[in-house]
Each structure stands twice: as C-alpha cells, then as structure tokens.
Amino acid sequence: MTAYNFTLNTLQDAARLIPVYEKMLLEILDAMIERYERDPDYPFIDTKLNIITGKDHYPASSDNFFKGRDVIYSWIQGRALESLAGHAVWLKKCSQLTPDAASRIVKIEKILREVIGSMENIRNRNHGRMFFAFSRSGEPLETHQGQLRNLLRIPDGSNYSDLFYSKGLLCAAAFLGLETKTAEAEHYFLRVINDIRNRRFITDQQSFDPKNPVTAVTGKHLQGPFMIALSGIAEAAAVTGRQTWLRQGREFMEYIFKFHINMEAGTGLQQYDFWEAVDSSGSPWDENGMILCDPGHALEFAGLSLKCLLQMRTVPEFTGFTEKCRSFYQELIVHCFRQGFNAQAGGICKSYDLKAHQPVNTDMPWWSLPETIRAAAEMLEFAPESTPAMLKIIEQCSTAFLGKFVNPSVHSMAYQTRGADGRPVDVIPATPDADPGYHTGLSIIAFLNILSRV
C-alpha cells in the first residue's frame, strides 16, 4: 500500500487530491469495462473478484457457489447502473481525459443498454419485483443454513433491491434518453417510496457475516430505507425538475431528524447521537441493553440528505428548512465522525454502542470513508463557514482511504473490510461482489465536482 499524508488547510490544498482520485476512478472504471467486454454472453456487471488476492471468484466451488457468476446480486446491478451513468457524465469534465475518453462513454452506453435489458427481463419474470439474489435465468435465491436455495415467492412490500434497482434504472434510462423507460422507473421508484412511508418496506438482504446480523425483526424499524431513498429522490428531482420530489426529500429527512437523531442534550444520550433502529413506539431500539449506531450510515445520511439540500437551497419554498439544517449539520457530521473514526487504524467502525460510548463491531468497511468525504465536501458548498472542520475530515478520510484501503495492484479497488488492527480481512459487508463504483466512485465524483465549483 502507498503511504499518503495530506495536510488540507485550504481549498487549494484539497485540489491536490484531484489527480490522485481521478487516476483511481479511471482505473476502476476501465476494469469494470474490460471485465464486462471479455464475455459477450454475460450481460451483467462483473465485479466478482477478491480485492485481497486479485483473483476472480469463479470458477466457484460448491461451498462458495454464492460467489460465482451464476448468482446475480440486484444490489450490485442496480448500483452499477447509477454508477456508470454518473461516471459517463463525469468523464466529460475529467482533467486527465485521454483520446479514449469518448470511446469510454460509448462503451458505457452499450453496457447500460444491455444490463438494463437483462435486469428488466428478470424483473418482468418476477412480476415487476427484484430480490437480493437471482440465478442467471431469473429465479430469486435465499440463504438457508449457509446455502442458497430457490425462493418460492418474493415477499410483499418493497425491499432494498427494489430501491437500489429502481433508482439505478431511473438514472441510467435518463442518461440514455429513454423517455418511456425513465417514466416507468420513476413510477417504480415512487412505489418503493410509498412502501417506505407506509412501513411496507422489508429487508431482503441475506447475511454473509455473522457479526453483521441483517434478518428482519418484528417491530424493529430501520432508518436505512429512508436514508438510501434520499439519494434517488435527489436524482429524481434533478431528472424531472419537479419540486414534489424535493418535498418527499424534506419529509424523509424530517422523519430521521425526529426518530433517529438526538437533537437535544439531556435525554440520556449525547446530542446528535444517531441510532439505526426504533421500536414501534418510535423509541431507540434496545439491542440486548445497547443502542447501536452505524457511524458510516450516519455520515452517509448526511451526504445523501445534503444532495437534496443543495437543490433545495435555491427554492424559496425550502428556505426555512435549509437554514434550520445549516445551523446543525456541521455538529452532526463532526459528532458522528468522532464516534466512529479509528485514527490509529484509519477507518470507521461498523457499529458503536451509544450507551457505553464504545465500538461494538470494530471491523471497518471501505464505503464509509468515501461517503464521509462526500458529506464533508457538500458542506463546503452548503455551509462554507464549516470549511476548516470539513477539510480536516476530508484530510483524515483521504489519508486512510487512499493509503490503507485502495489496492493499486487490483485496479485501485478498495478492500471491502479491514479489522481494527488495520489488516484487510476476508469479510463480506453485503455482497461478495466488489463495489461497482457506487459508494467509491459516485461519492468521490461528487467531491471532485464540488471542488471544481468552490
């Protein structure tokens, strides 16, 4: 790993990160394109590789069948649609553009069309629904006693796959100029939004990590769907130009403010504590005597909500709301970052007990660092007075991410997880497939775009 040590006192200092991050983004993008093009008979995004060893996950043994090419993860494909569309737009302004830049965009357009076609075939086969994992022929799969088996019926109520895929389809179809498909995706995404609002949303995630339980629990309501939806809401508002989407964003943000953030001190928890789940009465979920926070999710919420806030700030209807947020967002981000960041190892812990004030799961996933960089960068534009504090966070996250997570020998992709001792560990945070430029690429592209403006 390459040692990085950035000192960011000014925006000009931060600009030194631009060529470093551009090089990383291009290497990841080129790897995704190359891996897709090497097999014309596999019309799906292929990030099925081990970032530690650099080896493909296939051919997969019977014990590791879930890592092979015959298992399609909707989360990955949906995220990839959104990611590739975002990368194609960014390529037009990348300062390291080569004569091959235009051809990259053409290749991305071809990939998007083909992956949309493959995934829409799967969705149509399943009556307009998605699920966490599918066979290549479109049968939904679930884990049972450590093995994948056919799922007879996708449960009613939208799930995370519907959420990731609908917003990814919306972004990709809009980028390609597919008006009918864009309208269809918007309708699909709105259905997911309504299920979240009406508590008809259920998790479809299948766990591959015993330390990260994801099974749905009756009466336990997570902030995750509201938070992730904010990303799609911001994109829908940008694509359609309709303020109704921003009103949806305000509603979801206010829900999280009310039920998942301790807005005032003196309630037994610290001000700006952010908890993952509530019970049916709206109180923080008690997890065996603990109240758990995922600091990365708290910081991701800040970044995704700021995508909405940056659009709202130019609309008079939202002036009072944006000013309210501007008054405390710096404190929220700084507080959650201090709780989760392991300065010695360089990363953000997976879970933190707000009652005992200590980490519970000390593993550090890669995605929380670029998501935090995005949130801090957006604050440079949303609340310029926060610049010194946000530059410090960008400095710490970039030093850790580029120096300790990014693996230059494997397409500059990031190790999925590192332990508290700093070593990469073979743990699967969500899917065995590596990030298709979603958490990493889209977060860093947002950072670069903001630097170019401020």
Protein backbone atom coordinates (compact mmCIF):
# COMPACT_ATOMS: atom_id res chain seq x y z
CA MET A 1 0.00 0.00 0.00
CA THR A 2 1.13 3.52 -0.79
CA ALA A 3 1.64 5.90 2.12
CA TYR A 4 -0.32 9.12 1.89
CA ASN A 5 -0.20 12.03 4.30
CA PHE A 6 -2.27 15.01 3.29
CA THR A 7 -2.50 18.32 5.12
CA LEU A 8 -5.53 20.28 3.97
CA ASN A 9 -5.68 23.78 5.37
CA THR A 10 -7.21 25.45 2.31
CA LEU A 11 -9.31 24.55 -0.71
CA GLN A 12 -6.16 24.90 -2.78
CA ASP A 13 -4.60 22.17 -0.64
CA ALA A 14 -7.64 19.96 -1.31
CA ALA A 15 -7.21 20.48 -5.05
CA ARG A 16 -4.03 18.38 -4.85
CA LEU A 17 -6.29 15.37 -4.35
CA ILE A 18 -7.93 15.81 -7.76
CA PRO A 19 -5.36 13.96 -9.94
CA VAL A 20 -4.96 11.22 -7.33
CA TYR A 21 -8.66 10.49 -7.20
CA GLU A 22 -9.14 10.88 -10.96
CA LYS A 23 -6.49 8.24 -11.59
CA MET A 24 -8.20 5.89 -9.13
CA LEU A 25 -11.63 6.41 -10.69
CA LEU A 26 -10.35 5.78 -14.21
CA GLU A 27 -8.58 2.58 -13.21
CA ILE A 28 -11.72 1.21 -11.55
CA LEU A 29 -13.91 2.25 -14.48
CA ASP A 30 -11.58 0.69 -17.06
CA ALA A 31 -11.51 -2.55 -15.08
CA MET A 32 -15.33 -2.67 -15.00
CA ILE A 33 -15.50 -2.07 -18.76
CA GLU A 34 -12.81 -4.67 -19.51
CA ARG A 35 -14.43 -7.29 -17.30
CA TYR A 36 -17.77 -6.71 -18.98
CA GLU A 37 -16.39 -6.86 -22.52
CA ARG A 38 -14.40 -10.06 -22.08
CA ASP A 39 -17.53 -12.22 -22.14
CA PRO A 40 -20.28 -11.14 -24.57
CA ASP A 41 -22.51 -13.94 -23.26
CA TYR A 42 -22.59 -12.49 -19.73
CA PRO A 43 -24.80 -9.37 -19.88
CA PHE A 44 -24.26 -8.34 -16.26
CA ILE A 45 -21.72 -6.19 -14.42
CA ASP A 46 -18.92 -8.47 -13.21
CA THR A 47 -17.07 -7.32 -10.09
CA LYS A 48 -16.76 -10.86 -8.78
CA LEU A 49 -13.17 -10.69 -7.60
CA ASN A 50 -11.26 -10.78 -4.33
CA ILE A 51 -9.60 -7.41 -3.69
CA ILE A 52 -7.08 -9.00 -1.32
CA THR A 53 -5.78 -11.63 -3.76
CA GLY A 54 -6.84 -10.09 -7.06
CA LYS A 55 -8.31 -13.43 -8.14
CA ASP A 56 -11.74 -13.93 -9.65
CA HIS A 57 -14.36 -15.65 -7.51
CA TYR A 58 -15.01 -18.10 -10.33
CA PRO A 59 -15.00 -20.90 -11.10
CA ALA A 60 -16.63 -21.19 -7.68
CA SER A 61 -16.58 -24.33 -5.57
CA SER A 62 -19.82 -25.82 -4.30
CA ASP A 63 -19.09 -24.28 -0.88
CA ASN A 64 -18.68 -20.83 -2.44
CA PHE A 65 -21.44 -21.07 -5.02
CA PHE A 66 -22.82 -17.74 -3.85
CA LYS A 67 -19.65 -16.00 -5.10
CA GLY A 68 -19.84 -17.34 -8.65
CA ARG A 69 -21.17 -15.85 -11.87
CA ASP A 70 -24.38 -17.84 -11.72
CA VAL A 71 -25.59 -15.69 -8.82
CA ILE A 72 -26.69 -12.18 -9.78
CA TYR A 73 -26.95 -9.60 -6.99
CA SER A 74 -29.60 -6.97 -7.68
CA TRP A 75 -27.86 -4.54 -5.33
CA ILE A 76 -24.73 -4.66 -7.49
CA GLN A 77 -26.51 -4.39 -10.83
CA GLY A 78 -28.75 -1.53 -9.67
CA ARG A 79 -25.85 0.34 -8.13
CA ALA A 80 -23.80 -0.22 -11.29
CA LEU A 81 -26.48 1.38 -13.47
CA GLU A 82 -26.42 4.51 -11.33
CA SER A 83 -22.64 4.44 -11.08
CA LEU A 84 -21.88 4.05 -14.78
CA ALA A 85 -24.32 6.79 -15.73
CA GLY A 86 -22.63 9.08 -13.19
CA HIS A 87 -19.15 8.17 -14.45
CA ALA A 88 -20.14 8.86 -18.06
CA VAL A 89 -21.25 12.39 -17.14
CA TRP A 90 -18.06 12.92 -15.12
CA LEU A 91 -15.77 11.77 -17.95
CA LYS A 92 -16.66 14.87 -19.92
CA LYS A 93 -15.01 17.06 -17.26
CA CYS A 94 -12.19 14.81 -16.01
CA SER A 95 -8.89 16.72 -16.28
CA GLN A 96 -7.00 13.51 -17.11
CA LEU A 97 -9.06 12.78 -20.20
CA THR A 98 -7.29 10.83 -22.90
CA PRO A 99 -8.19 10.39 -26.60
CA ASP A 100 -10.05 7.27 -25.47
CA ALA A 101 -12.48 9.24 -23.28
CA ALA A 102 -15.20 9.45 -25.95
CA SER A 103 -14.91 5.73 -26.64
CA ARG A 104 -15.32 5.05 -22.93
CA ILE A 105 -18.63 6.86 -22.95
CA VAL A 106 -19.78 4.87 -25.99
CA LYS A 107 -18.84 1.65 -24.22
CA ILE A 108 -20.70 2.72 -21.09
CA GLU A 109 -23.83 3.47 -23.11
CA LYS A 110 -23.69 -0.01 -24.67
CA ILE A 111 -23.19 -1.66 -21.26
CA LEU A 112 -26.08 0.28 -19.73
CA ARG A 113 -28.47 -0.72 -22.50
CA GLU A 114 -27.54 -4.38 -22.25
CA VAL A 115 -27.62 -4.58 -18.46
CA ILE A 116 -30.99 -2.80 -18.40
CA GLY A 117 -32.27 -5.37 -20.87
CA SER A 118 -31.02 -8.30 -18.78
CA MET A 119 -32.31 -6.95 -15.50
CA GLU A 120 -35.67 -5.93 -16.93
CA ASN A 121 -36.11 -9.49 -18.20
CA ILE A 122 -35.52 -10.71 -14.63
CA ARG A 123 -37.89 -8.12 -13.17
CA ASN A 124 -40.63 -8.91 -15.69
CA ARG A 125 -40.29 -12.60 -14.90
CA ASN A 126 -40.88 -11.72 -11.23
CA HIS A 127 -43.97 -9.54 -11.77
CA GLY A 128 -42.15 -6.21 -11.57
CA ARG A 129 -40.11 -7.06 -8.48
CA MET A 130 -36.47 -7.52 -7.56
CA PHE A 131 -34.77 -9.56 -4.84
CA PHE A 132 -31.30 -9.69 -3.28
CA ALA A 133 -30.01 -12.60 -5.40
CA PHE A 134 -31.14 -14.34 -8.57
CA SER A 135 -29.98 -17.18 -10.73
CA ARG A 136 -28.94 -16.12 -14.24
CA SER A 137 -32.29 -17.35 -15.51
CA GLY A 138 -34.16 -15.12 -13.05
CA GLU A 139 -35.16 -17.33 -10.12
CA PRO A 140 -34.88 -15.47 -6.78
CA LEU A 141 -32.49 -17.09 -4.28
CA GLU A 142 -32.30 -17.00 -0.48
CA THR A 143 -29.79 -18.31 2.06
CA HIS A 144 -30.74 -21.29 4.21
CA GLN A 145 -28.30 -22.97 6.60
CA GLY A 146 -25.38 -21.43 4.75
CA GLN A 147 -26.62 -22.45 1.30
CA LEU A 148 -28.51 -20.65 -1.43
CA ARG A 149 -31.84 -22.14 -2.46
CA ASN A 150 -34.72 -21.07 -4.66
CA LEU A 151 -37.15 -18.62 -3.08
CA LEU A 152 -40.66 -19.65 -3.99
CA ARG A 153 -42.13 -16.15 -3.72
CA ILE A 154 -40.74 -12.66 -3.20
CA PRO A 155 -42.45 -11.29 -0.05
CA ASP A 156 -44.92 -8.45 -0.45
CA GLY A 157 -43.65 -4.93 0.22
CA SER A 158 -40.72 -3.22 -1.46
CA ASN A 159 -37.21 -4.20 -0.46
CA TYR A 160 -33.66 -2.88 -0.77
CA SER A 161 -33.23 -4.48 -4.21
CA ASP A 162 -36.32 -2.67 -5.46
CA LEU A 163 -34.88 0.52 -4.00
CA PHE A 164 -31.37 0.22 -5.45
CA TYR A 165 -32.58 -1.02 -8.81
CA SER A 166 -35.41 1.47 -9.34
CA LYS A 167 -33.21 4.49 -8.67
CA GLY A 168 -30.37 2.99 -10.72
CA LEU A 169 -32.75 2.33 -13.61
CA LEU A 170 -34.03 5.90 -13.36
CA CYS A 171 -30.52 7.37 -13.59
CA ALA A 172 -29.39 5.10 -16.43
CA ALA A 173 -32.55 5.46 -18.50
CA ALA A 174 -32.49 9.25 -18.13
CA PHE A 175 -28.82 9.37 -19.15
CA LEU A 176 -29.57 7.27 -22.24
CA GLY A 177 -32.55 9.45 -23.14
CA LEU A 178 -35.02 6.56 -22.86
CA GLU A 179 -38.12 8.61 -22.03
CA THR A 180 -40.58 5.73 -21.68
CA LYS A 181 -38.22 3.69 -19.51
CA THR A 182 -37.38 6.77 -17.42
CA ALA A 183 -41.07 7.35 -16.71
CA GLU A 184 -41.52 3.67 -15.87
CA ALA A 185 -38.53 3.79 -13.49
CA GLU A 186 -39.89 6.92 -11.81
CA HIS A 187 -43.21 5.17 -11.22
CA TYR A 188 -41.39 2.09 -9.85
CA PHE A 189 -39.27 4.25 -7.53
CA LEU A 190 -42.36 6.13 -6.30
CA ARG A 191 -43.96 2.80 -5.40
CA VAL A 192 -40.91 1.98 -3.28
CA ILE A 193 -41.08 5.42 -1.64
CA ASN A 194 -44.70 4.88 -0.69
CA ASP A 195 -43.92 1.46 0.79
CA ILE A 196 -41.16 3.03 2.91
CA ARG A 197 -43.53 5.75 4.10
CA ASN A 198 -46.27 3.24 4.96
CA ARG A 199 -43.90 0.77 6.65
CA ARG A 200 -44.48 -1.83 3.97
CA PHE A 201 -40.75 -1.96 3.24
CA ILE A 202 -38.86 -5.12 4.25
CA THR A 203 -35.20 -6.06 4.08
CA ASP A 204 -34.25 -8.71 1.54
CA GLN A 205 -30.53 -8.74 2.45
CA GLN A 206 -29.01 -12.17 3.01
CA SER A 207 -26.20 -12.22 5.58
CA PHE A 208 -22.70 -13.47 4.81
CA ASP A 209 -21.15 -12.07 8.02
CA PRO A 210 -22.21 -13.39 11.47
CA LYS A 211 -21.05 -10.11 13.05
CA ASN A 212 -23.47 -8.14 10.88
CA PRO A 213 -26.97 -9.57 11.51
CA VAL A 214 -29.48 -8.39 8.92
CA THR A 215 -32.53 -10.58 9.50
CA ALA A 216 -35.75 -8.58 9.82
CA VAL A 217 -37.11 -8.38 13.38
CA THR A 218 -40.79 -7.70 14.03
CA GLY A 219 -41.27 -4.22 15.48
CA LYS A 220 -37.74 -3.08 14.58
CA HIS A 221 -37.77 -0.19 12.11
CA LEU A 222 -34.52 0.89 10.41
CA GLN A 223 -33.54 4.31 9.14
CA GLY A 224 -31.74 2.73 6.16
CA PRO A 225 -34.59 2.80 3.62
CA PHE A 226 -35.31 6.48 4.31
CA MET A 227 -31.63 7.34 4.05
CA ILE A 228 -30.94 5.43 0.81
CA ALA A 229 -34.12 6.76 -0.75
CA LEU A 230 -32.80 10.32 -0.35
CA SER A 231 -30.17 9.57 -2.99
CA GLY A 232 -32.81 8.55 -5.52
CA ILE A 233 -35.07 11.42 -4.52
CA ALA A 234 -32.28 13.90 -5.29
CA GLU A 235 -31.69 12.23 -8.66
CA ALA A 236 -35.40 12.15 -9.46
CA ALA A 237 -35.68 15.85 -8.65
CA ALA A 238 -32.73 16.62 -10.93
CA VAL A 239 -34.03 14.42 -13.78
CA THR A 240 -37.65 15.58 -13.70
CA GLY A 241 -37.29 19.11 -12.35
CA ARG A 242 -40.35 18.54 -10.18
CA GLN A 243 -40.37 20.06 -6.69
CA THR A 244 -42.67 17.33 -5.47
CA TRP A 245 -39.58 15.13 -5.23
CA LEU A 246 -37.83 17.65 -3.01
CA ARG A 247 -40.90 17.72 -0.77
CA GLN A 248 -40.54 13.95 -0.46
CA GLY A 249 -36.92 14.51 0.50
CA ARG A 250 -37.84 17.01 3.19
CA GLU A 251 -40.43 14.59 4.58
CA PHE A 252 -37.91 11.73 4.82
CA MET A 253 -35.26 13.98 6.36
CA GLU A 254 -37.69 15.24 8.98
CA TYR A 255 -38.63 11.65 9.80
CA ILE A 256 -34.98 10.81 10.51
CA PHE A 257 -34.50 14.04 12.48
CA LYS A 258 -37.47 13.13 14.66
CA PHE A 259 -36.92 9.41 15.22
CA HIS A 260 -33.21 8.65 14.68
CA ILE A 261 -31.21 11.69 15.85
CA ASN A 262 -30.98 13.04 19.38
CA MET A 263 -31.50 16.68 18.52
CA GLU A 264 -31.28 17.90 22.13
CA ALA A 265 -29.00 17.01 25.01
CA GLY A 266 -30.32 15.75 28.33
CA THR A 267 -32.16 12.61 27.25
CA GLY A 268 -29.55 10.13 28.48
CA LEU A 269 -27.77 10.17 25.12
CA GLN A 270 -25.43 12.73 23.64
CA GLN A 271 -26.71 15.46 21.38
CA TYR A 272 -26.58 14.40 17.70
CA ASP A 273 -26.33 10.70 18.54
CA PHE A 274 -27.73 8.78 15.56
CA TRP A 275 -29.27 5.33 16.07
CA GLU A 276 -30.03 2.72 13.44
CA ALA A 277 -33.43 1.48 14.57
CA VAL A 278 -36.54 2.37 16.56
CA ASP A 279 -39.33 0.25 18.02
CA SER A 280 -42.99 0.62 17.10
CA SER A 281 -43.39 3.47 19.61
CA GLY A 282 -40.57 5.43 17.97
CA SER A 283 -38.06 4.94 20.80
CA PRO A 284 -34.45 3.85 20.11
CA TRP A 285 -34.27 0.08 19.63
CA ASP A 286 -32.77 -1.75 22.60
CA GLU A 287 -30.34 -4.39 21.32
CA ASN A 288 -29.56 -6.51 24.39
CA GLY A 289 -29.02 -3.41 26.51
CA MET A 290 -27.29 -1.47 23.73
CA ILE A 291 -28.41 1.33 21.44
CA LEU A 292 -26.48 0.81 18.24
CA CYS A 293 -25.23 3.35 15.76
CA ASP A 294 -23.56 2.58 12.45
CA PRO A 295 -21.38 5.70 12.20
CA GLY A 296 -20.89 5.14 8.49
CA HIS A 297 -24.64 5.15 7.95
CA ALA A 298 -24.99 8.33 9.99
CA LEU A 299 -22.40 10.03 7.80
CA GLU A 300 -23.90 8.55 4.63
CA PHE A 301 -27.26 10.01 5.67
CA ALA A 302 -25.62 13.42 5.98
CA GLY A 303 -24.17 13.14 2.48
CA LEU A 304 -27.33 11.87 0.80
CA SER A 305 -29.56 14.42 2.53
CA LEU A 306 -27.16 17.17 1.51
CA LYS A 307 -27.73 16.14 -2.12
CA CYS A 308 -31.31 17.23 -1.56
CA LEU A 309 -30.42 20.29 0.48
CA LEU A 310 -28.10 21.63 -2.23
CA GLN A 311 -31.05 21.57 -4.63
CA MET A 312 -33.50 22.97 -2.06
CA ARG A 313 -31.38 25.98 -1.20
CA THR A 314 -32.29 27.75 -4.46
CA VAL A 315 -36.04 27.21 -4.00
CA PRO A 316 -37.84 29.80 -1.79
CA GLU A 317 -40.29 27.18 -0.51
CA PHE A 318 -37.46 25.44 1.37
CA THR A 319 -35.60 28.48 2.74
CA GLY A 320 -36.64 27.95 6.36
CA PHE A 321 -35.88 24.24 6.21
CA THR A 322 -32.42 24.65 4.68
CA GLU A 323 -31.49 27.34 7.20
CA LYS A 324 -32.53 25.01 10.03
CA CYS A 325 -30.28 22.29 8.63
CA ARG A 326 -27.40 24.66 8.05
CA SER A 327 -27.45 25.51 11.76
CA PHE A 328 -26.58 22.00 12.95
CA TYR A 329 -25.22 19.84 10.11
CA GLN A 330 -21.60 20.60 10.96
CA GLU A 331 -22.13 19.45 14.54
CA LEU A 332 -23.92 16.29 13.38
CA ILE A 333 -21.14 15.31 10.98
CA VAL A 334 -18.30 16.09 13.38
CA HIS A 335 -20.01 14.24 16.23
CA CYS A 336 -20.69 11.04 14.26
CA PHE A 337 -17.24 11.08 12.70
CA ARG A 338 -15.52 11.37 16.09
CA GLN A 339 -17.54 8.44 17.43
CA GLY A 340 -16.73 6.09 14.58
CA PHE A 341 -13.29 7.03 13.30
CA ASN A 342 -10.36 4.88 14.40
CA ALA A 343 -7.48 7.30 13.91
CA GLN A 344 -4.81 4.71 14.65
CA ALA A 345 -6.04 2.07 12.21
CA GLY A 346 -7.54 4.53 9.73
CA GLY A 347 -11.21 3.68 9.21
CA ILE A 348 -14.73 3.93 10.61
CA CYS A 349 -16.08 1.12 12.80
CA LYS A 350 -19.17 -0.80 11.71
CA SER A 351 -21.18 -0.37 14.91
CA TYR A 352 -20.99 1.72 18.08
CA ASP A 353 -22.93 1.48 21.36
CA LEU A 354 -24.32 4.92 22.18
CA LYS A 355 -24.92 3.95 25.83
CA ALA A 356 -21.46 2.55 26.59
CA HIS A 357 -19.71 5.01 24.24
CA GLN A 358 -17.57 2.33 22.61
CA PRO A 359 -17.38 0.35 19.36
CA VAL A 360 -19.16 -3.00 19.20
CA ASN A 361 -18.12 -4.27 15.77
CA THR A 362 -14.63 -2.88 15.22
CA ASP A 363 -14.40 -4.03 11.59
CA MET A 364 -14.05 -1.09 9.20
CA PRO A 365 -15.82 -1.31 5.81
CA TRP A 366 -14.44 0.67 2.91
CA TRP A 367 -17.60 2.52 1.87
CA SER A 368 -17.97 4.76 4.91
CA LEU A 369 -14.81 6.75 4.11
CA PRO A 370 -15.80 7.97 0.61
CA GLU A 371 -19.36 8.55 1.82
CA THR A 372 -17.95 10.77 4.58
CA ILE A 373 -15.78 12.61 2.05
CA ARG A 374 -18.90 13.34 0.02
CA ALA A 375 -20.77 14.68 3.06
CA ALA A 376 -17.86 16.90 4.10
CA ALA A 377 -17.41 18.18 0.54
CA GLU A 378 -21.09 19.07 0.23
CA MET A 379 -20.77 21.10 3.40
CA LEU A 380 -18.10 23.23 1.71
CA GLU A 381 -20.85 24.40 -0.61
CA PHE A 382 -23.88 24.23 1.69
CA ALA A 383 -22.28 25.89 4.73
CA PRO A 384 -18.94 27.49 3.77
CA GLU A 385 -18.33 28.52 7.39
CA SER A 386 -17.75 24.81 8.12
CA THR A 387 -14.79 24.63 5.70
CA PRO A 388 -11.95 24.24 8.28
CA ALA A 389 -13.68 21.36 10.10
CA MET A 390 -14.74 19.66 6.84
CA LEU A 391 -11.26 19.91 5.31
CA LYS A 392 -9.87 18.18 8.40
CA ILE A 393 -12.33 15.31 7.93
CA ILE A 394 -11.55 15.07 4.20
CA GLU A 395 -7.85 15.01 5.09
CA GLN A 396 -8.22 12.15 7.58
CA CYS A 397 -10.55 10.12 5.37
CA SER A 398 -8.43 10.54 2.25
CA THR A 399 -5.22 9.61 4.07
CA ALA A 400 -6.89 6.45 5.39
CA PHE A 401 -8.77 5.50 2.23
CA LEU A 402 -6.02 6.06 -0.33
CA GLY A 403 -3.26 4.75 1.90
CA LYS A 404 -4.90 1.80 3.64
CA PHE A 405 -7.94 0.66 1.65
CA VAL A 406 -7.14 1.23 -2.03
CA ASN A 407 -5.19 -1.67 -3.53
CA PRO A 408 -3.18 -0.34 -6.52
CA SER A 409 -2.39 -3.87 -7.68
CA VAL A 410 -6.11 -4.74 -8.10
CA HIS A 411 -7.43 -1.93 -10.33
CA SER A 412 -7.19 0.56 -7.43
CA MET A 413 -10.31 -1.00 -5.92
CA ALA A 414 -10.69 -0.87 -2.14
CA TYR A 415 -10.51 -3.74 0.33
CA GLN A 416 -14.08 -4.38 1.42
CA THR A 417 -13.19 -4.67 5.11
CA ARG A 418 -10.23 -4.07 7.41
CA GLY A 419 -10.01 -5.17 11.04
CA ALA A 420 -9.27 -2.91 14.00
CA ASP A 421 -5.63 -3.96 13.68
CA GLY A 422 -5.58 -2.40 10.24
CA ARG A 423 -5.22 -5.61 8.24
CA PRO A 424 -7.57 -6.45 5.36
CA VAL A 425 -9.93 -9.26 6.37
CA ASP A 426 -11.93 -11.57 4.13
CA VAL A 427 -15.34 -10.44 5.41
CA ILE A 428 -18.32 -9.68 3.18
CA PRO A 429 -20.14 -6.50 4.29
CA ALA A 430 -23.14 -7.06 2.00
CA THR A 431 -22.34 -8.96 -1.22
CA PRO A 432 -19.27 -10.93 -2.33
CA ASP A 433 -19.15 -8.76 -5.46
CA ALA A 434 -16.88 -5.72 -5.20
CA ASP A 435 -18.24 -2.17 -5.35
CA PRO A 436 -19.16 -1.23 -8.96
CA GLY A 437 -18.04 2.37 -8.46
CA TYR A 438 -21.14 3.22 -6.40
CA HIS A 439 -20.02 4.12 -2.87
CA THR A 440 -16.48 4.84 -4.04
CA GLY A 441 -16.99 6.35 -7.47
CA LEU A 442 -20.14 8.40 -7.03
CA SER A 443 -19.01 9.76 -3.67
CA ILE A 444 -15.61 10.84 -4.98
CA ILE A 445 -17.10 12.25 -8.20
CA ALA A 446 -19.38 14.43 -6.05
CA PHE A 447 -16.30 15.59 -4.13
CA LEU A 448 -14.42 16.43 -7.34
CA ASN A 449 -17.40 18.25 -8.83
CA ILE A 450 -17.78 20.39 -5.72
CA LEU A 451 -14.05 21.21 -5.66
CA SER A 452 -14.33 22.43 -9.24
CA ARG A 453 -17.12 24.81 -8.18
CA VAL A 454 -15.86 26.13 -4.85
